[in-house]
Amino acid sequence: MVSYLREEEKESYRGKLQRAYIEPEYETAKRKLLEIRDELRKINRTAANSLDEGLEEALTIHRLCLVEILGRSFTTTNLIENLNSQLSKYIRKVNRWMISEMKSRWVAVAFLEIE
């Protein structure tokens, strides 16, 4: 959603989204996200539509009352980016995959090493 915004707007909206996502209560988080969406509709309809599109999915941990336990892990992509970076270190030297099972084995071994 933030990627659709101008550079000078991105930081402001990142902060607003982060504050909405750390709200422990589903209704409060949803209300804040809907306010952000309404604000975005005035300046960038594509960004507003993007937020609207994944709104309920984004609030899944709120509905499950797991924000305090899982909120930090799921509100950042650092975990995924770190894993992808580590994975590329292990498999980047393989130039030719003979069969798809070979790729799966390499990825599995790399994950074990990363662990």
PDB file of N, CA and C in Angstrom:
ATOM      1  N   MET A   1       0.815  -1.174   0.000  1.00  0.00           N
ATOM      2  CA  MET A   1       0.000   0.000   0.000  1.00  0.00           C
ATOM      3  C   MET A   1       0.867   1.250   0.000  1.00  0.00           C
ATOM      4  N   VAL A   2       1.878   1.286   0.829  1.00  0.00           N
ATOM      5  CA  VAL A   2       2.742   2.456   0.945  1.00  0.00           C
ATOM      6  C   VAL A   2       3.504   2.702  -0.356  1.00  0.00           C
ATOM      7  N   SER A   3       3.772   1.654  -1.099  1.00  0.00           N
ATOM      8  CA  SER A   3       4.536   1.809  -2.345  1.00  0.00           C
ATOM      9  C   SER A   3       3.800   2.670  -3.374  1.00  0.00           C
ATOM     10  N   TYR A   4       2.505   2.824  -3.236  1.00  0.00           N
ATOM     11  CA  TYR A   4       1.730   3.650  -4.166  1.00  0.00           C
ATOM     12  C   TYR A   4       1.801   5.140  -3.828  1.00  0.00           C
ATOM     13  N   LEU A   5       2.367   5.470  -2.692  1.00  0.00           N
ATOM     14  CA  LEU A   5       2.399   6.857  -2.236  1.00  0.00           C
ATOM     15  C   LEU A   5       3.657   7.586  -2.718  1.00  0.00           C
ATOM     16  N   ARG A   6       3.589   8.907  -2.691  1.00  0.00           N
ATOM     17  CA  ARG A   6       4.773   9.717  -3.011  1.00  0.00           C
ATOM     18  C   ARG A   6       5.775   9.575  -1.867  1.00  0.00           C
ATOM     19  N   GLU A   7       7.031   9.779  -2.172  1.00  0.00           N
ATOM     20  CA  GLU A   7       8.105   9.611  -1.176  1.00  0.00           C
ATOM     21  C   GLU A   7       7.845  10.402   0.107  1.00  0.00           C
ATOM     22  N   GLU A   8       7.393  11.627  -0.031  1.00  0.00           N
ATOM     23  CA  GLU A   8       7.178  12.467   1.156  1.00  0.00           C
ATOM     24  C   GLU A   8       5.993  12.007   2.006  1.00  0.00           C
ATOM     25  N   GLU A   9       5.144  11.139   1.490  1.00  0.00           N
ATOM     26  CA  GLU A   9       3.983  10.632   2.245  1.00  0.00           C
ATOM     27  C   GLU A   9       4.242   9.275   2.881  1.00  0.00           C
ATOM     28  N   LYS A  10       5.205   8.554   2.369  1.00  0.00           N
ATOM     29  CA  LYS A  10       5.425   7.166   2.787  1.00  0.00           C
ATOM     30  C   LYS A  10       5.685   7.016   4.285  1.00  0.00           C
ATOM     31  N   GLU A  11       6.605   7.792   4.810  1.00  0.00           N
ATOM     32  CA  GLU A  11       6.982   7.642   6.225  1.00  0.00           C
ATOM     33  C   GLU A  11       5.807   7.918   7.155  1.00  0.00           C
ATOM     34  N   SER A  12       5.048   8.933   6.841  1.00  0.00           N
ATOM     35  CA  SER A  12       3.886   9.291   7.653  1.00  0.00           C
ATOM     36  C   SER A  12       2.874   8.143   7.699  1.00  0.00           C
ATOM     37  N   TYR A  13       2.594   7.580   6.546  1.00  0.00           N
ATOM     38  CA  TYR A  13       1.599   6.506   6.489  1.00  0.00           C
ATOM     39  C   TYR A  13       2.127   5.188   7.047  1.00  0.00           C
ATOM     40  N   ARG A  14       3.426   4.962   6.932  1.00  0.00           N
ATOM     41  CA  ARG A  14       4.000   3.774   7.583  1.00  0.00           C
ATOM     42  C   ARG A  14       3.755   3.831   9.086  1.00  0.00           C
ATOM     43  N   GLY A  15       3.991   4.992   9.660  1.00  0.00           N
ATOM     44  CA  GLY A  15       3.770   5.177  11.094  1.00  0.00           C
ATOM     45  C   GLY A  15       2.314   4.988  11.481  1.00  0.00           C
ATOM     46  N   LYS A  16       1.428   5.555  10.691  1.00  0.00           N
ATOM     47  CA  LYS A  16      -0.006   5.422  10.974  1.00  0.00           C
ATOM     48  C   LYS A  16      -0.437   3.959  10.908  1.00  0.00           C
ATOM     49  N   LEU A  17       0.037   3.255   9.880  1.00  0.00           N
ATOM     50  CA  LEU A  17      -0.306   1.836   9.741  1.00  0.00           C
ATOM     51  C   LEU A  17       0.250   1.034  10.908  1.00  0.00           C
ATOM     52  N   GLN A  18       1.486   1.295  11.271  1.00  0.00           N
ATOM     53  CA  GLN A  18       2.110   0.564  12.375  1.00  0.00           C
ATOM     54  C   GLN A  18       1.333   0.769  13.667  1.00  0.00           C
ATOM     55  N   ARG A  19       0.929   2.007  13.931  1.00  0.00           N
ATOM     56  CA  ARG A  19       0.152   2.280  15.146  1.00  0.00           C
ATOM     57  C   ARG A  19      -1.199   1.568  15.123  1.00  0.00           C
ATOM     58  N   ALA A  20      -1.796   1.474  13.959  1.00  0.00           N
ATOM     59  CA  ALA A  20      -3.080   0.763  13.849  1.00  0.00           C
ATOM     60  C   ALA A  20      -2.883  -0.733  14.078  1.00  0.00           C
ATOM     61  N   TYR A  21      -1.831  -1.292  13.494  1.00  0.00           N
ATOM     62  CA  TYR A  21      -1.606  -2.733  13.613  1.00  0.00           C
ATOM     63  C   TYR A  21      -1.207  -3.182  15.016  1.00  0.00           C
ATOM     64  N   ILE A  22      -0.615  -2.302  15.806  1.00  0.00           N
ATOM     65  CA  ILE A  22      -0.226  -2.731  17.152  1.00  0.00           C
ATOM     66  C   ILE A  22      -1.368  -2.600  18.165  1.00  0.00           C
ATOM     67  N   GLU A  23      -2.490  -2.069  17.725  1.00  0.00           N
ATOM     68  CA  GLU A  23      -3.657  -2.010  18.606  1.00  0.00           C
ATOM     69  C   GLU A  23      -4.071  -3.441  18.948  1.00  0.00           C
ATOM     70  N   PRO A  24      -4.217  -3.763  20.206  1.00  0.00           N
ATOM     71  CA  PRO A  24      -4.564  -5.141  20.573  1.00  0.00           C
ATOM     72  C   PRO A  24      -6.013  -5.540  20.253  1.00  0.00           C
ATOM     73  N   GLU A  25      -6.911  -4.576  20.235  1.00  0.00           N
ATOM     74  CA  GLU A  25      -8.325  -4.878  20.007  1.00  0.00           C
ATOM     75  C   GLU A  25      -8.661  -4.813  18.519  1.00  0.00           C
ATOM     76  N   TYR A  26      -9.375  -5.807  18.040  1.00  0.00           N
ATOM     77  CA  TYR A  26      -9.763  -5.900  16.632  1.00  0.00           C
ATOM     78  C   TYR A  26     -10.534  -4.668  16.182  1.00  0.00           C
ATOM     79  N   GLU A  27     -11.556  -4.278  16.941  1.00  0.00           N
ATOM     80  CA  GLU A  27     -12.411  -3.151  16.534  1.00  0.00           C
ATOM     81  C   GLU A  27     -11.632  -1.840  16.446  1.00  0.00           C
ATOM     82  N   THR A  28     -10.741  -1.614  17.407  1.00  0.00           N
ATOM     83  CA  THR A  28      -9.949  -0.387  17.404  1.00  0.00           C
ATOM     84  C   THR A  28      -8.993  -0.370  16.210  1.00  0.00           C
ATOM     85  N   ALA A  29      -8.321  -1.489  15.975  1.00  0.00           N
ATOM     86  CA  ALA A  29      -7.388  -1.584  14.847  1.00  0.00           C
ATOM     87  C   ALA A  29      -8.127  -1.381  13.526  1.00  0.00           C
ATOM     88  N   LYS A  30      -9.280  -2.010  13.397  1.00  0.00           N
ATOM     89  CA  LYS A  30     -10.052  -1.884  12.161  1.00  0.00           C
ATOM     90  C   LYS A  30     -10.523  -0.450  11.953  1.00  0.00           C
ATOM     91  N   ARG A  31     -10.993   0.186  13.013  1.00  0.00           N
ATOM     92  CA  ARG A  31     -11.449   1.576  12.913  1.00  0.00           C
ATOM     93  C   ARG A  31     -10.313   2.482  12.448  1.00  0.00           C
ATOM     94  N   LYS A  32      -9.125   2.297  13.033  1.00  0.00           N
ATOM     95  CA  LYS A  32      -7.979   3.123  12.644  1.00  0.00           C
ATOM     96  C   LYS A  32      -7.580   2.878  11.189  1.00  0.00           C
ATOM     97  N   LEU A  33      -7.605   1.621  10.767  1.00  0.00           N
ATOM     98  CA  LEU A  33      -7.261   1.309   9.376  1.00  0.00           C
ATOM     99  C   LEU A  33      -8.286   1.893   8.405  1.00  0.00           C
ATOM    100  N   LEU A  34      -9.554   1.863   8.782  1.00  0.00           N
ATOM    101  CA  LEU A  34     -10.585   2.447   7.929  1.00  0.00           C
ATOM    102  C   LEU A  34     -10.439   3.967   7.851  1.00  0.00           C
ATOM    103  N   GLU A  35     -10.011   4.586   8.947  1.00  0.00           N
ATOM    104  CA  GLU A  35      -9.756   6.032   8.928  1.00  0.00           C
ATOM    105  C   GLU A  35      -8.601   6.352   7.975  1.00  0.00           C
ATOM    106  N   ILE A  36      -7.558   5.523   8.024  1.00  0.00           N
ATOM    107  CA  ILE A  36      -6.416   5.707   7.123  1.00  0.00           C
ATOM    108  C   ILE A  36      -6.872   5.535   5.674  1.00  0.00           C
ATOM    109  N   ARG A  37      -7.689   4.508   5.434  1.00  0.00           N
ATOM    110  CA  ARG A  37      -8.207   4.278   4.082  1.00  0.00           C
ATOM    111  C   ARG A  37      -8.991   5.482   3.573  1.00  0.00           C
ATOM    112  N   ASP A  38      -9.858   6.024   4.420  1.00  0.00           N
ATOM    113  CA  ASP A  38     -10.652   7.195   4.028  1.00  0.00           C
ATOM    114  C   ASP A  38      -9.765   8.396   3.732  1.00  0.00           C
ATOM    115  N   GLU A  39      -8.704   8.558   4.526  1.00  0.00           N
ATOM    116  CA  GLU A  39      -7.735   9.625   4.304  1.00  0.00           C
ATOM    117  C   GLU A  39      -7.026   9.433   2.957  1.00  0.00           C
ATOM    118  N   LEU A  40      -6.642   8.191   2.693  1.00  0.00           N
ATOM    119  CA  LEU A  40      -5.932   7.872   1.453  1.00  0.00           C
ATOM    120  C   LEU A  40      -6.791   8.088   0.215  1.00  0.00           C
ATOM    121  N   ARG A  41      -8.083   7.858   0.338  1.00  0.00           N
ATOM    122  CA  ARG A  41      -8.972   8.042  -0.817  1.00  0.00           C
ATOM    123  C   ARG A  41      -8.903   9.458  -1.364  1.00  0.00           C
ATOM    124  N   LYS A  42      -8.589  10.408  -0.487  1.00  0.00           N
ATOM    125  CA  LYS A  42      -8.509  11.810  -0.901  1.00  0.00           C
ATOM    126  C   LYS A  42      -7.217  12.115  -1.664  1.00  0.00           C
ATOM    127  N   ILE A  43      -6.157  11.345  -1.370  1.00  0.00           N
ATOM    128  CA  ILE A  43      -4.869  11.661  -1.997  1.00  0.00           C
ATOM    129  C   ILE A  43      -4.384  10.609  -2.993  1.00  0.00           C
ATOM    130  N   ASN A  44      -4.806   9.338  -2.805  1.00  0.00           N
ATOM    131  CA  ASN A  44      -4.322   8.280  -3.688  1.00  0.00           C
ATOM    132  C   ASN A  44      -5.274   7.086  -3.629  1.00  0.00           C
ATOM    133  N   ARG A  45      -6.148   7.004  -4.607  1.00  0.00           N
ATOM    134  CA  ARG A  45      -7.167   5.959  -4.627  1.00  0.00           C
ATOM    135  C   ARG A  45      -6.565   4.553  -4.728  1.00  0.00           C
ATOM    136  N   THR A  46      -5.474   4.405  -5.451  1.00  0.00           N
ATOM    137  CA  THR A  46      -4.842   3.099  -5.598  1.00  0.00           C
ATOM    138  C   THR A  46      -4.331   2.588  -4.250  1.00  0.00           C
ATOM    139  N   ALA A  47      -3.711   3.459  -3.481  1.00  0.00           N
ATOM    140  CA  ALA A  47      -3.227   3.088  -2.153  1.00  0.00           C
ATOM    141  C   ALA A  47      -4.400   2.716  -1.243  1.00  0.00           C
ATOM    142  N   ALA A  48      -5.476   3.479  -1.323  1.00  0.00           N
ATOM    143  CA  ALA A  48      -6.662   3.193  -0.516  1.00  0.00           C
ATOM    144  C   ALA A  48      -7.252   1.836  -0.891  1.00  0.00           C
ATOM    145  N   ASN A  49      -7.339   1.556  -2.184  1.00  0.00           N
ATOM    146  CA  ASN A  49      -7.867   0.263  -2.635  1.00  0.00           C
ATOM    147  C   ASN A  49      -6.974  -0.885  -2.187  1.00  0.00           C
ATOM    148  N   SER A  50      -5.675  -0.671  -2.200  1.00  0.00           N
ATOM    149  CA  SER A  50      -4.732  -1.693  -1.762  1.00  0.00           C
ATOM    150  C   SER A  50      -4.926  -2.011  -0.284  1.00  0.00           C
ATOM    151  N   LEU A  51      -5.095  -0.988   0.518  1.00  0.00           N
ATOM    152  CA  LEU A  51      -5.337  -1.191   1.952  1.00  0.00           C
ATOM    153  C   LEU A  51      -6.656  -1.911   2.164  1.00  0.00           C
ATOM    154  N   ASP A  52      -7.673  -1.490   1.446  1.00  0.00           N
ATOM    155  CA  ASP A  52      -9.002  -2.080   1.568  1.00  0.00           C
ATOM    156  C   ASP A  52      -8.999  -3.559   1.172  1.00  0.00           C
ATOM    157  N   GLU A  53      -8.228  -3.876   0.153  1.00  0.00           N
ATOM    158  CA  GLU A  53      -8.188  -5.231  -0.390  1.00  0.00           C
ATOM    159  C   GLU A  53      -7.738  -6.270   0.631  1.00  0.00           C
ATOM    160  N   GLY A  54      -6.744  -5.945   1.439  1.00  0.00           N
ATOM    161  CA  GLY A  54      -6.220  -6.927   2.385  1.00  0.00           C
ATOM    162  C   GLY A  54      -6.565  -6.631   3.827  1.00  0.00           C
ATOM    163  N   LEU A  55      -7.571  -5.796   4.036  1.00  0.00           N
ATOM    164  CA  LEU A  55      -7.897  -5.327   5.383  1.00  0.00           C
ATOM    165  C   LEU A  55      -8.228  -6.463   6.350  1.00  0.00           C
ATOM    166  N   GLU A  56      -9.159  -7.292   6.002  1.00  0.00           N
ATOM    167  CA  GLU A  56      -9.566  -8.368   6.919  1.00  0.00           C
ATOM    168  C   GLU A  56      -8.457  -9.388   7.145  1.00  0.00           C
ATOM    169  N   GLU A  57      -7.703  -9.687   6.093  1.00  0.00           N
ATOM    170  CA  GLU A  57      -6.596 -10.630   6.245  1.00  0.00           C
ATOM    171  C   GLU A  57      -5.547 -10.059   7.191  1.00  0.00           C
ATOM    172  N   ALA A  58      -5.308  -8.758   7.081  1.00  0.00           N
ATOM    173  CA  ALA A  58      -4.324  -8.102   7.933  1.00  0.00           C
ATOM    174  C   ALA A  58      -4.731  -8.117   9.398  1.00  0.00           C
ATOM    175  N   LEU A  59      -6.017  -8.241   9.647  1.00  0.00           N
ATOM    176  CA  LEU A  59      -6.522  -8.230  11.024  1.00  0.00           C
ATOM    177  C   LEU A  59      -6.755  -9.637  11.590  1.00  0.00           C
ATOM    178  N   THR A  60      -6.286 -10.639  10.917  1.00  0.00           N
ATOM    179  CA  THR A  60      -6.500 -12.020  11.372  1.00  0.00           C
ATOM    180  C   THR A  60      -5.955 -12.252  12.776  1.00  0.00           C
ATOM    181  N   ILE A  61      -4.736 -11.797  13.058  1.00  0.00           N
ATOM    182  CA  ILE A  61      -4.190 -12.035  14.399  1.00  0.00           C
ATOM    183  C   ILE A  61      -4.951 -11.242  15.461  1.00  0.00           C
ATOM    184  N   HIS A  62      -5.613 -10.169  15.055  1.00  0.00           N
ATOM    185  CA  HIS A  62      -6.455  -9.425  15.992  1.00  0.00           C
ATOM    186  C   HIS A  62      -7.700 -10.238  16.347  1.00  0.00           C
ATOM    187  N   ARG A  63      -8.307 -10.843  15.318  1.00  0.00           N
ATOM    188  CA  ARG A  63      -9.512 -11.648  15.560  1.00  0.00           C
ATOM    189  C   ARG A  63      -9.188 -12.870  16.419  1.00  0.00           C
ATOM    190  N   LEU A  64      -7.969 -13.376  16.294  1.00  0.00           N
ATOM    191  CA  LEU A  64      -7.551 -14.547  17.077  1.00  0.00           C
ATOM    192  C   LEU A  64      -6.982 -14.166  18.443  1.00  0.00           C
ATOM    193  N   CYS A  65      -6.965 -12.858  18.730  1.00  0.00           N
ATOM    194  CA  CYS A  65      -6.433 -12.327  19.995  1.00  0.00           C
ATOM    195  C   CYS A  65      -4.971 -12.725  20.213  1.00  0.00           C
ATOM    196  N   LEU A  66      -4.179 -12.653  19.151  1.00  0.00           N
ATOM    197  CA  LEU A  66      -2.768 -13.029  19.225  1.00  0.00           C
ATOM    198  C   LEU A  66      -1.823 -11.868  18.919  1.00  0.00           C
ATOM    199  N   VAL A  67      -2.326 -10.652  18.985  1.00  0.00           N
ATOM    200  CA  VAL A  67      -1.503  -9.494  18.644  1.00  0.00           C
ATOM    201  C   VAL A  67      -0.291  -9.394  19.560  1.00  0.00           C
ATOM    202  N   GLU A  68      -0.493  -9.567  20.847  1.00  0.00           N
ATOM    203  CA  GLU A  68       0.619  -9.416  21.783  1.00  0.00           C
ATOM    204  C   GLU A  68       1.660 -10.514  21.610  1.00  0.00           C
ATOM    205  N   ILE A  69       1.240 -11.693  21.187  1.00  0.00           N
ATOM    206  CA  ILE A  69       2.168 -12.817  21.028  1.00  0.00           C
ATOM    207  C   ILE A  69       2.851 -12.787  19.664  1.00  0.00           C
ATOM    208  N   LEU A  70       2.079 -12.566  18.597  1.00  0.00           N
ATOM    209  CA  LEU A  70       2.607 -12.671  17.238  1.00  0.00           C
ATOM    210  C   LEU A  70       2.706 -11.355  16.482  1.00  0.00           C
ATOM    211  N   GLY A  71       2.194 -10.290  17.056  1.00  0.00           N
ATOM    212  CA  GLY A  71       2.108  -9.017  16.340  1.00  0.00           C
ATOM    213  C   GLY A  71       3.418  -8.525  15.778  1.00  0.00           C
ATOM    214  N   ARG A  72       4.458  -8.542  16.563  1.00  0.00           N
ATOM    215  CA  ARG A  72       5.746  -8.017  16.097  1.00  0.00           C
ATOM    216  C   ARG A  72       6.296  -8.850  14.941  1.00  0.00           C
ATOM    217  N   SER A  73       6.161 -10.147  15.017  1.00  0.00           N
ATOM    218  CA  SER A  73       6.680 -11.014  13.954  1.00  0.00           C
ATOM    219  C   SER A  73       5.955 -10.802  12.636  1.00  0.00           C
ATOM    220  N   PHE A  74       4.650 -10.574  12.693  1.00  0.00           N
ATOM    221  CA  PHE A  74       3.868 -10.474  11.477  1.00  0.00           C
ATOM    222  C   PHE A  74       3.721  -9.063  10.927  1.00  0.00           C
ATOM    223  N   THR A  75       4.142  -8.061  11.668  1.00  0.00           N
ATOM    224  CA  THR A  75       4.025  -6.702  11.145  1.00  0.00           C
ATOM    225  C   THR A  75       5.295  -6.250  10.445  1.00  0.00           C
ATOM    226  N   THR A  76       6.247  -7.121  10.334  1.00  0.00           N
ATOM    227  CA  THR A  76       7.477  -6.786   9.632  1.00  0.00           C
ATOM    228  C   THR A  76       7.829  -7.896   8.655  1.00  0.00           C
ATOM    229  N   THR A  77       8.506  -7.543   7.604  1.00  0.00           N
ATOM    230  CA  THR A  77       8.946  -8.553   6.641  1.00  0.00           C
ATOM    231  C   THR A  77      10.399  -8.934   6.878  1.00  0.00           C
ATOM    232  N   ASN A  78      11.002  -8.406   7.938  1.00  0.00           N
ATOM    233  CA  ASN A  78      12.412  -8.672   8.205  1.00  0.00           C
ATOM    234  C   ASN A  78      12.707 -10.166   8.291  1.00  0.00           C
ATOM    235  N   LEU A  79      11.844 -10.906   8.933  1.00  0.00           N
ATOM    236  CA  LEU A  79      12.036 -12.345   9.088  1.00  0.00           C
ATOM    237  C   LEU A  79      12.115 -13.022   7.722  1.00  0.00           C
ATOM    238  N   ILE A  80      11.190 -12.688   6.852  1.00  0.00           N
ATOM    239  CA  ILE A  80      11.147 -13.287   5.517  1.00  0.00           C
ATOM    240  C   ILE A  80      12.337 -12.827   4.682  1.00  0.00           C
ATOM    241  N   GLU A  81      12.628 -11.538   4.745  1.00  0.00           N
ATOM    242  CA  GLU A  81      13.752 -11.013   3.977  1.00  0.00           C
ATOM    243  C   GLU A  81      15.071 -11.628   4.428  1.00  0.00           C
ATOM    244  N   ASN A  82      15.223 -11.811   5.727  1.00  0.00           N
ATOM    245  CA  ASN A  82      16.432 -12.422   6.256  1.00  0.00           C
ATOM    246  C   ASN A  82      16.560 -13.861   5.770  1.00  0.00           C
ATOM    247  N   LEU A  83      15.482 -14.610   5.821  1.00  0.00           N
ATOM    248  CA  LEU A  83      15.502 -15.999   5.362  1.00  0.00           C
ATOM    249  C   LEU A  83      15.840 -16.069   3.873  1.00  0.00           C
ATOM    250  N   ASN A  84      15.219 -15.218   3.071  1.00  0.00           N
ATOM    251  CA  ASN A  84      15.510 -15.199   1.630  1.00  0.00           C
ATOM    252  C   ASN A  84      16.966 -14.855   1.361  1.00  0.00           C
ATOM    253  N   SER A  85      17.504 -13.916   2.113  1.00  0.00           N
ATOM    254  CA  SER A  85      18.901 -13.533   1.950  1.00  0.00           C
ATOM    255  C   SER A  85      19.830 -14.696   2.295  1.00  0.00           C
ATOM    256  N   GLN A  86      19.548 -15.347   3.403  1.00  0.00           N
ATOM    257  CA  GLN A  86      20.351 -16.496   3.820  1.00  0.00           C
ATOM    258  C   GLN A  86      20.254 -17.627   2.797  1.00  0.00           C
ATOM    259  N   LEU A  87      19.052 -17.862   2.319  1.00  0.00           N
ATOM    260  CA  LEU A  87      18.831 -18.937   1.341  1.00  0.00           C
ATOM    261  C   LEU A  87      19.626 -18.688   0.070  1.00  0.00           C
ATOM    262  N   SER A  88      19.639 -17.458  -0.382  1.00  0.00           N
ATOM    263  CA  SER A  88      20.363 -17.162  -1.627  1.00  0.00           C
ATOM    264  C   SER A  88      21.859 -17.412  -1.477  1.00  0.00           C
ATOM    265  N   LYS A  89      22.396 -17.252  -0.271  1.00  0.00           N
ATOM    266  CA  LYS A  89      23.817 -17.532  -0.044  1.00  0.00           C
ATOM    267  C   LYS A  89      24.134 -19.007  -0.278  1.00  0.00           C
ATOM    268  N   TYR A  90      23.197 -19.863   0.059  1.00  0.00           N
ATOM    269  CA  TYR A  90      23.436 -21.298  -0.067  1.00  0.00           C
ATOM    270  C   TYR A  90      23.208 -21.835  -1.474  1.00  0.00           C
ATOM    271  N   ILE A  91      22.242 -21.270  -2.170  1.00  0.00           N
ATOM    272  CA  ILE A  91      21.895 -21.883  -3.465  1.00  0.00           C
ATOM    273  C   ILE A  91      22.303 -21.052  -4.676  1.00  0.00           C
ATOM    274  N   ARG A  92      22.925 -19.902  -4.473  1.00  0.00           N
ATOM    275  CA  ARG A  92      23.261 -19.043  -5.613  1.00  0.00           C
ATOM    276  C   ARG A  92      24.318 -19.645  -6.535  1.00  0.00           C
ATOM    277  N   LYS A  93      25.122 -20.568  -6.023  1.00  0.00           N
ATOM    278  CA  LYS A  93      26.182 -21.144  -6.851  1.00  0.00           C
ATOM    279  C   LYS A  93      25.690 -22.275  -7.753  1.00  0.00           C
ATOM    280  N   VAL A  94      24.468 -22.726  -7.525  1.00  0.00           N
ATOM    281  CA  VAL A  94      23.916 -23.783  -8.371  1.00  0.00           C
ATOM    282  C   VAL A  94      23.412 -23.129  -9.651  1.00  0.00           C
ATOM    283  N   ASN A  95      24.027 -23.493 -10.764  1.00  0.00           N
ATOM    284  CA  ASN A  95      23.684 -22.865 -12.038  1.00  0.00           C
ATOM    285  C   ASN A  95      22.630 -23.628 -12.817  1.00  0.00           C
ATOM    286  N   ARG A  96      22.542 -24.905 -12.574  1.00  0.00           N
ATOM    287  CA  ARG A  96      21.625 -25.712 -13.382  1.00  0.00           C
ATOM    288  C   ARG A  96      20.930 -26.740 -12.491  1.00  0.00           C
ATOM    289  N   TRP A  97      19.616 -26.654 -12.464  1.00  0.00           N
ATOM    290  CA  TRP A  97      18.830 -27.607 -11.695  1.00  0.00           C
ATOM    291  C   TRP A  97      18.430 -28.742 -12.634  1.00  0.00           C
ATOM    292  N   MET A  98      18.841 -29.957 -12.312  1.00  0.00           N
ATOM    293  CA  MET A  98      18.546 -31.100 -13.171  1.00  0.00           C
ATOM    294  C   MET A  98      17.048 -31.435 -13.162  1.00  0.00           C
ATOM    295  N   ILE A  99      16.498 -31.551 -11.974  1.00  0.00           N
ATOM    296  CA  ILE A  99      15.070 -31.852 -11.816  1.00  0.00           C
ATOM    297  C   ILE A  99      14.534 -31.013 -10.659  1.00  0.00           C
ATOM    298  N   SER A 100      13.231 -30.865 -10.589  1.00  0.00           N
ATOM    299  CA  SER A 100      12.655 -30.021  -9.543  1.00  0.00           C
ATOM    300  C   SER A 100      12.912 -30.593  -8.153  1.00  0.00           C
ATOM    301  N   GLU A 101      13.029 -31.912  -8.044  1.00  0.00           N
ATOM    302  CA  GLU A 101      13.318 -32.517  -6.737  1.00  0.00           C
ATOM    303  C   GLU A 101      14.693 -32.080  -6.232  1.00  0.00           C
ATOM    304  N   MET A 102      15.621 -31.887  -7.158  1.00  0.00           N
ATOM    305  CA  MET A 102      16.955 -31.435  -6.784  1.00  0.00           C
ATOM    306  C   MET A 102      16.888 -30.057  -6.129  1.00  0.00           C
ATOM    307  N   LYS A 103      16.092 -29.181  -6.699  1.00  0.00           N
ATOM    308  CA  LYS A 103      15.929 -27.835  -6.141  1.00  0.00           C
ATOM    309  C   LYS A 103      15.320 -27.920  -4.741  1.00  0.00           C
ATOM    310  N   SER A 104      14.325 -28.765  -4.578  1.00  0.00           N
ATOM    311  CA  SER A 104      13.688 -28.931  -3.271  1.00  0.00           C
ATOM    312  C   SER A 104      14.691 -29.431  -2.231  1.00  0.00           C
ATOM    313  N   ARG A 105      15.544 -30.367  -2.630  1.00  0.00           N
ATOM    314  CA  ARG A 105      16.551 -30.895  -1.697  1.00  0.00           C
ATOM    315  C   ARG A 105      17.550 -29.809  -1.300  1.00  0.00           C
ATOM    316  N   TRP A 106      18.009 -29.027  -2.277  1.00  0.00           N
ATOM    317  CA  TRP A 106      18.944 -27.958  -1.979  1.00  0.00           C
ATOM    318  C   TRP A 106      18.323 -26.938  -1.020  1.00  0.00           C
ATOM    319  N   VAL A 107      17.100 -26.574  -1.270  1.00  0.00           N
ATOM    320  CA  VAL A 107      16.416 -25.603  -0.412  1.00  0.00           C
ATOM    321  C   VAL A 107      16.238 -26.170   0.987  1.00  0.00           C
ATOM    322  N   ALA A 108      15.852 -27.439   1.091  1.00  0.00           N
ATOM    323  CA  ALA A 108      15.672 -28.078   2.401  1.00  0.00           C
ATOM    324  C   ALA A 108      16.973 -28.094   3.184  1.00  0.00           C
ATOM    325  N   VAL A 109      18.062 -28.472   2.514  1.00  0.00           N
ATOM    326  CA  VAL A 109      19.371 -28.509   3.180  1.00  0.00           C
ATOM    327  C   VAL A 109      19.787 -27.096   3.611  1.00  0.00           C
ATOM    328  N   ALA A 110      19.543 -26.129   2.752  1.00  0.00           N
ATOM    329  CA  ALA A 110      19.878 -24.739   3.106  1.00  0.00           C
ATOM    330  C   ALA A 110      19.080 -24.282   4.326  1.00  0.00           C
ATOM    331  N   PHE A 111      17.808 -24.609   4.388  1.00  0.00           N
ATOM    332  CA  PHE A 111      16.997 -24.244   5.553  1.00  0.00           C
ATOM    333  C   PHE A 111      17.531 -24.888   6.812  1.00  0.00           C
ATOM    334  N   LEU A 112      17.956 -26.127   6.726  1.00  0.00           N
ATOM    335  CA  LEU A 112      18.533 -26.808   7.897  1.00  0.00           C
ATOM    336  C   LEU A 112      19.813 -26.101   8.346  1.00  0.00           C
ATOM    337  N   GLU A 113      20.640 -25.709   7.401  1.00  0.00           N
ATOM    338  CA  GLU A 113      21.870 -24.986   7.727  1.00  0.00           C
ATOM    339  C   GLU A 113      21.577 -23.632   8.356  1.00  0.00           C
ATOM    340  N   ILE A 114      20.587 -22.937   7.810  1.00  0.00           N
ATOM    341  CA  ILE A 114      20.211 -21.616   8.326  1.00  0.00           C
ATOM    342  C   ILE A 114      19.677 -21.733   9.747  1.00  0.00           C
ATOM    343  N   GLU A 115      18.934 -22.798   9.987  1.00  0.00           N
ATOM    344  CA  GLU A 115      18.356 -23.006  11.324  1.00  0.00           C
ATOM    345  C   GLU A 115      19.444 -23.084  12.354  1.00  0.00           C
TER     346      GLU A 115
END
